[in-house]
Amino acid sequence: MSLPPEQLEAEIEAQRAQLAGTVDALAAKLDVKAQAQAKVADLKDRATTETGSPRPDVLAGAVAAVVLLLALAVWRRRSR
């Protein structure tokens, strides 16, 4: 069965577009730098408010971690 040239050209163009999409998707998966930048941007968005200031819960967690580390350092120094 022979297809008209116009239909063949349309199928070839559709396959070409699909292949280009696949190549673009693979290239995006292999772009480690872009993935890292996207992850940093996502973390920054989740840790800050719309104005760019730190979210109170994130700030409280950071302060708690610093206090815990200081308490641990004092405790270790005293136990020597």
N, C-alpha and C. Protein backbone atom coordinates (compact mmCIF):
# COMPACT_ATOMS: atom_id res chain seq x y z
N MET A 1 0.84 -1.18 0.00
CA MET A 1 0.00 0.00 0.00
C MET A 1 0.89 1.24 0.00
N SER A 2 0.65 2.12 -0.91
CA SER A 2 1.46 3.33 -1.07
C SER A 2 0.66 4.54 -0.58
N LEU A 3 1.31 5.36 0.22
CA LEU A 3 0.67 6.56 0.76
C LEU A 3 0.99 7.75 -0.13
N PRO A 4 0.09 8.70 -0.20
CA PRO A 4 0.37 9.91 -0.98
C PRO A 4 1.56 10.67 -0.38
N PRO A 5 2.30 11.36 -1.19
CA PRO A 5 3.49 12.07 -0.70
C PRO A 5 3.18 13.06 0.42
N GLU A 6 2.04 13.72 0.35
CA GLU A 6 1.68 14.69 1.39
C GLU A 6 1.51 14.00 2.74
N GLN A 7 0.91 12.83 2.73
CA GLN A 7 0.69 12.10 3.98
C GLN A 7 2.02 11.59 4.53
N LEU A 8 2.90 11.11 3.64
CA LEU A 8 4.23 10.67 4.07
C LEU A 8 5.00 11.82 4.70
N GLU A 9 4.95 12.98 4.06
CA GLU A 9 5.65 14.15 4.61
C GLU A 9 5.08 14.55 5.96
N ALA A 10 3.76 14.47 6.11
CA ALA A 10 3.13 14.80 7.39
C ALA A 10 3.56 13.81 8.47
N GLU A 11 3.62 12.54 8.17
CA GLU A 11 4.05 11.53 9.14
C GLU A 11 5.52 11.72 9.51
N ILE A 12 6.34 12.03 8.53
CA ILE A 12 7.76 12.27 8.79
C ILE A 12 7.92 13.48 9.70
N GLU A 13 7.16 14.53 9.44
CA GLU A 13 7.25 15.74 10.27
C GLU A 13 6.77 15.46 11.70
N ALA A 14 5.73 14.65 11.85
CA ALA A 14 5.24 14.30 13.18
C ALA A 14 6.29 13.48 13.94
N GLN A 15 6.92 12.54 13.27
CA GLN A 15 7.98 11.74 13.89
C GLN A 15 9.17 12.62 14.27
N ARG A 16 9.49 13.57 13.41
CA ARG A 16 10.61 14.48 13.68
C ARG A 16 10.31 15.32 14.92
N ALA A 17 9.08 15.81 15.05
CA ALA A 17 8.69 16.61 16.22
C ALA A 17 8.73 15.77 17.49
N GLN A 18 8.27 14.53 17.40
CA GLN A 18 8.30 13.63 18.56
C GLN A 18 9.74 13.34 18.96
N LEU A 19 10.59 13.09 18.01
CA LEU A 19 12.00 12.82 18.30
C LEU A 19 12.66 14.05 18.92
N ALA A 20 12.35 15.23 18.43
CA ALA A 20 12.92 16.45 19.01
C ALA A 20 12.48 16.61 20.46
N GLY A 21 11.23 16.30 20.75
CA GLY A 21 10.76 16.37 22.13
C GLY A 21 11.49 15.39 23.03
N THR A 22 11.72 14.19 22.52
CA THR A 22 12.44 13.17 23.29
C THR A 22 13.88 13.61 23.55
N VAL A 23 14.52 14.14 22.54
CA VAL A 23 15.91 14.61 22.69
C VAL A 23 15.96 15.76 23.70
N ASP A 24 15.01 16.68 23.64
CA ASP A 24 14.98 17.80 24.59
C ASP A 24 14.78 17.29 26.03
N ALA A 25 13.91 16.31 26.21
CA ALA A 25 13.68 15.75 27.54
C ALA A 25 14.94 15.06 28.08
N LEU A 26 15.63 14.33 27.22
CA LEU A 26 16.87 13.67 27.64
C LEU A 26 17.95 14.69 27.98
N ALA A 27 18.04 15.74 27.18
CA ALA A 27 19.04 16.79 27.44
C ALA A 27 18.75 17.47 28.77
N ALA A 28 17.48 17.70 29.09
CA ALA A 28 17.12 18.33 30.37
C ALA A 28 17.49 17.44 31.54
N LYS A 29 17.31 16.13 31.39
CA LYS A 29 17.67 15.20 32.46
C LYS A 29 19.18 15.16 32.68
N LEU A 30 19.95 15.39 31.65
CA LEU A 30 21.40 15.32 31.76
C LEU A 30 22.03 16.65 32.17
N ASP A 31 21.25 17.73 32.22
CA ASP A 31 21.77 19.05 32.58
C ASP A 31 21.78 19.19 34.10
N VAL A 32 22.86 18.73 34.71
CA VAL A 32 22.97 18.69 36.17
C VAL A 32 22.98 20.10 36.75
N LYS A 33 23.66 21.02 36.08
CA LYS A 33 23.74 22.40 36.57
C LYS A 33 22.35 23.03 36.64
N ALA A 34 21.56 22.85 35.61
CA ALA A 34 20.20 23.42 35.60
C ALA A 34 19.33 22.77 36.68
N GLN A 35 19.49 21.47 36.88
CA GLN A 35 18.74 20.79 37.93
C GLN A 35 19.12 21.31 39.31
N ALA A 36 20.40 21.54 39.54
CA ALA A 36 20.86 22.05 40.82
C ALA A 36 20.33 23.47 41.05
N GLN A 37 20.37 24.29 40.02
CA GLN A 37 19.86 25.65 40.14
C GLN A 37 18.37 25.65 40.43
N ALA A 38 17.63 24.75 39.80
CA ALA A 38 16.20 24.65 40.04
C ALA A 38 15.92 24.21 41.47
N LYS A 39 16.72 23.28 41.98
CA LYS A 39 16.54 22.80 43.35
C LYS A 39 16.83 23.92 44.35
N VAL A 40 17.88 24.69 44.12
CA VAL A 40 18.22 25.81 45.00
C VAL A 40 17.09 26.84 44.98
N ALA A 41 16.58 27.15 43.81
CA ALA A 41 15.48 28.11 43.70
C ALA A 41 14.25 27.60 44.43
N ASP A 42 13.96 26.31 44.32
CA ASP A 42 12.81 25.73 45.00
C ASP A 42 12.97 25.81 46.52
N LEU A 43 14.15 25.45 47.01
CA LEU A 43 14.40 25.52 48.45
C LEU A 43 14.31 26.96 48.96
N LYS A 44 14.84 27.89 48.18
CA LYS A 44 14.79 29.30 48.57
C LYS A 44 13.33 29.78 48.61
N ASP A 45 12.54 29.38 47.64
CA ASP A 45 11.13 29.76 47.61
C ASP A 45 10.38 29.20 48.82
N ARG A 46 10.71 27.98 49.20
CA ARG A 46 10.02 27.35 50.33
C ARG A 46 10.48 27.92 51.66
N ALA A 47 11.68 28.48 51.74
CA ALA A 47 12.23 28.97 53.01
C ALA A 47 12.00 30.46 53.22
N THR A 48 11.48 31.16 52.22
CA THR A 48 11.27 32.60 52.36
C THR A 48 9.82 32.97 52.05
N THR A 49 9.44 34.15 52.51
CA THR A 49 8.11 34.67 52.21
C THR A 49 8.14 35.38 50.87
N GLU A 50 7.00 35.93 50.47
CA GLU A 50 6.93 36.65 49.19
C GLU A 50 7.85 37.87 49.18
N THR A 51 8.10 38.45 50.36
CA THR A 51 8.96 39.63 50.44
C THR A 51 10.44 39.28 50.46
N GLY A 52 10.76 37.99 50.56
CA GLY A 52 12.16 37.55 50.57
C GLY A 52 12.74 37.37 51.95
N SER A 53 11.95 37.67 52.98
CA SER A 53 12.46 37.46 54.34
C SER A 53 12.26 36.00 54.74
N PRO A 54 13.08 35.52 55.67
CA PRO A 54 12.95 34.11 56.08
C PRO A 54 11.60 33.85 56.73
N ARG A 55 11.05 32.67 56.46
CA ARG A 55 9.79 32.30 57.10
C ARG A 55 10.04 32.10 58.59
N PRO A 56 9.09 32.49 59.44
CA PRO A 56 9.31 32.38 60.89
C PRO A 56 9.60 30.95 61.36
N ASP A 57 8.95 29.96 60.79
CA ASP A 57 9.20 28.59 61.24
C ASP A 57 10.60 28.12 60.85
N VAL A 58 11.07 28.54 59.69
CA VAL A 58 12.43 28.18 59.27
C VAL A 58 13.45 28.89 60.15
N LEU A 59 13.19 30.16 60.43
CA LEU A 59 14.08 30.93 61.29
C LEU A 59 14.13 30.33 62.69
N ALA A 60 12.97 29.94 63.23
CA ALA A 60 12.93 29.32 64.55
C ALA A 60 13.69 28.00 64.56
N GLY A 61 13.59 27.23 63.51
CA GLY A 61 14.33 25.98 63.41
C GLY A 61 15.83 26.21 63.38
N ALA A 62 16.25 27.22 62.65
CA ALA A 62 17.69 27.53 62.59
C ALA A 62 18.21 27.98 63.94
N VAL A 63 17.43 28.81 64.62
CA VAL A 63 17.84 29.27 65.95
C VAL A 63 17.90 28.09 66.92
N ALA A 64 16.92 27.20 66.86
CA ALA A 64 16.92 26.03 67.73
C ALA A 64 18.14 25.15 67.47
N ALA A 65 18.51 25.00 66.21
CA ALA A 65 19.68 24.19 65.88
C ALA A 65 20.96 24.81 66.42
N VAL A 66 21.08 26.14 66.33
CA VAL A 66 22.27 26.82 66.85
C VAL A 66 22.32 26.68 68.37
N VAL A 67 21.20 26.86 69.04
CA VAL A 67 21.16 26.72 70.50
C VAL A 67 21.54 25.30 70.90
N LEU A 68 21.03 24.32 70.18
CA LEU A 68 21.37 22.93 70.47
C LEU A 68 22.86 22.66 70.30
N LEU A 69 23.44 23.18 69.24
CA LEU A 69 24.88 23.00 69.02
C LEU A 69 25.70 23.68 70.11
N LEU A 70 25.28 24.88 70.52
CA LEU A 70 26.00 25.57 71.59
C LEU A 70 25.89 24.80 72.91
N ALA A 71 24.71 24.30 73.21
CA ALA A 71 24.52 23.52 74.43
C ALA A 71 25.37 22.26 74.41
N LEU A 72 25.43 21.61 73.26
CA LEU A 72 26.26 20.42 73.13
C LEU A 72 27.74 20.75 73.34
N ALA A 73 28.19 21.87 72.78
CA ALA A 73 29.59 22.27 72.94
C ALA A 73 29.90 22.57 74.40
N VAL A 74 29.01 23.26 75.08
CA VAL A 74 29.22 23.58 76.51
C VAL A 74 29.24 22.29 77.32
N TRP A 75 28.31 21.40 77.05
CA TRP A 75 28.23 20.13 77.80
C TRP A 75 29.51 19.31 77.60
N ARG A 76 30.00 19.25 76.36
CA ARG A 76 31.24 18.48 76.10
C ARG A 76 32.42 19.12 76.79
N ARG A 77 32.48 20.44 76.82
CA ARG A 77 33.59 21.13 77.46
C ARG A 77 33.58 20.89 78.97
N ARG A 78 32.41 20.89 79.56
CA ARG A 78 32.31 20.67 81.00
C ARG A 78 32.60 19.22 81.40
N SER A 79 32.33 18.30 80.52
CA SER A 79 32.54 16.89 80.85
C SER A 79 33.98 16.44 80.68
N ARG A 80 34.85 17.27 80.25
CA ARG A 80 36.27 16.90 80.10
C ARG A 80 36.98 16.91 81.38
